[in-house]
Amino acid sequence: MSASKPRQQDGQLGWAPVATAEEDELEELVLGGSAAALSPAGPSSRNGEAAAVAMGEVRVLRRRWLMLALFSVTSMANAAHWIMYAIIANIATRYYNVSDMAINWTSIVFMAAYVPLVFPASWIIEKKGLRVAVLLGCSLMCAGSWLKVVSAAPDRFDIAFIGQTIIGVAQMFTLGVPGRLAAVWFGAKEVSFACAVGVFGNQLGIALGFLIPPAMVGNHEDLEQITADLKVLYYVFAAVPTAVLVLLVLFFEKRPPVPPSLAQAALLKQQQHQSNGATNGHQTKSQPSQAEEGVPGKAKSARGDSHYARTIKQLLTNPSYLLLILGYGMNVGTFYAVSTLLNQIILAKFPLAENPSANEDAGRVGLTMVLMGVLGSIAGGLVLDTWHKFKETTIVIYILAVLGMVAFTFSVSSSNMVLVYVTAGFLGFFTTGYVPVGYEFGAELTYPHSESTSVGLLNAAGESIGIVLVLGAGEVLQLYGSEITNYGFIGTLILGLFISLFIKNDLRRLAASKQQQDLHNEQTGKEHTRF
């Protein structure tokens, strides 16, 4: 079977589609119609993209799954670091001779780094493209991971914390990508599912962060044994992103040569019109758009910063989107706080003296939450792709998340570990599972703005509220115990549910896609009539 020929494009290794019958069998036409395969003729894929847009051609390429897989593994490798200290808090505090709050900060630093850096990171994703952003994020992750390798000594917590901070900065270039990658590479009928799969990588990484550290680092009396365990853990967590970075350099592309959906084609056509108008000296009114990567002309660089500033202003003055930001932040922030404090919550009710496996149980409870959240994410994506009920799905998920937190609170208080596992899974399904639903609802409410910017603001809200909850709940946990702490989490979710009720179901992206579909059908009908 003949394969696509590798060639250099825009300074990076990519694959140009070869118009063969065999290739056509591998690539799916979104509209299921008779559109001819795009010829690679022309000096670059940029010209091919322009020609495809002009022809109204829309295709999804089989290699979109490779791009999604590479990104998901990158996100997984990053997320695995987030909770690795907090889930073995009792061991880490004794080994490094630091307080519980210091260990909590190894989780908080991921959130704290995100908030001030979300705007520059979103700008890089939008203006430099997916390839540059993901490569930058993975490179930073490798640097932080190898720095942590040398921190395996009781007097080197400061080095471990610096490495953790660098990895926290690296997540800037993964958390905001799923919605953007899904829109750029996937068709309209699979974009929500693709976004859910992208989020799945992050969730799988969190799951591994819950599972691996308690399994690899024993609660030894001898600190030398803990040092040996930590070295192995650090080497594993550094080797994986290093291998992933090599794969990204070789295979990851910034965008396909042909738009995958009518909504993307319309945006590209709009961008090309703006660029051509500006290049020819016309005063074309700038409209907010998604990333302009691949659009010819110098005009996009001159207008880029003003576009981005205007985008932020318009998003922050969109009432429904602001309500979504608050609701999303309270849901996801609660998950962050529960995850960070899970070891302390479990050990408060299941002390090691009476339950020697409580440390491992805390990790497995967290693993259960995240794995069920993965299923919730995929289910949410499929529901959205099938019925497009964004607000309704949000409200149902929120109600069940509240019920899950109530059940988890009483199961912990009952000191029944089996019940804790069951209720934690239920809670995870509807808190972690809300992430891709929030991403896609945000993309609908803010279309035609960039998904990376929309997702960035949502994540900033989740991180900010997560910081407040971890700091506040951490103090409450020390003073009043786990039950009162969990009541606070229940109240936060109820408030988030109340706020979400007032979001308007303004599905702009879906409306644009339907409009383009109607226009396409009308033009196709005229052509048939002409013949």
Foldseek 3Di string as FASTA:
>chain_A
DDDFDWDDAPNAIAGDDDQDPVQVVQWDFQVNDDDGDQHPDDDHLLVSAVVQLVVVGATFGNCLVVQLVLLLQLLLLLLLQQQQCLLLVVQLCVLLVHDSVLSLVLNLLLLVLLQVCLLVLLLCCQAVFLLVLSLVLLVLLLVLLVQCLVQLHNNRVVSNSVSSNSSSNSCSSQQLPLLQSLQQRAEPLCSLLSSLSSLLSNLNSNLNSLQPNPVQADSDPDSVSNSVSSNVVSVVSNVSSVVSSVVSRNYHDRGDSYGNALLVSVQLVVLQVVQVCVVVPHDDDDDAATRPPSHDHPVCVVCVVVSSVVLVVVQVPQVLLVLLLLLLQLLLLLVSQCSSCQLVQQCLLVPCVNPVCSSNLSSVLSSLLSVLLSVLQSVLSNCCSVPVPLLVSLLVLLVQLLVLLVQLLVCSVVSDSVSNSVSSNSNSSSRSSCLSSSLQQQCQSSPPHYSSSSSSSSSSSNSVSNSVLNVVLVVCCVVPNNNVSSVVSSVSSVVSSVSSVPRDSRRRSVVSSVVSVVVVVVVVVVVVVVD
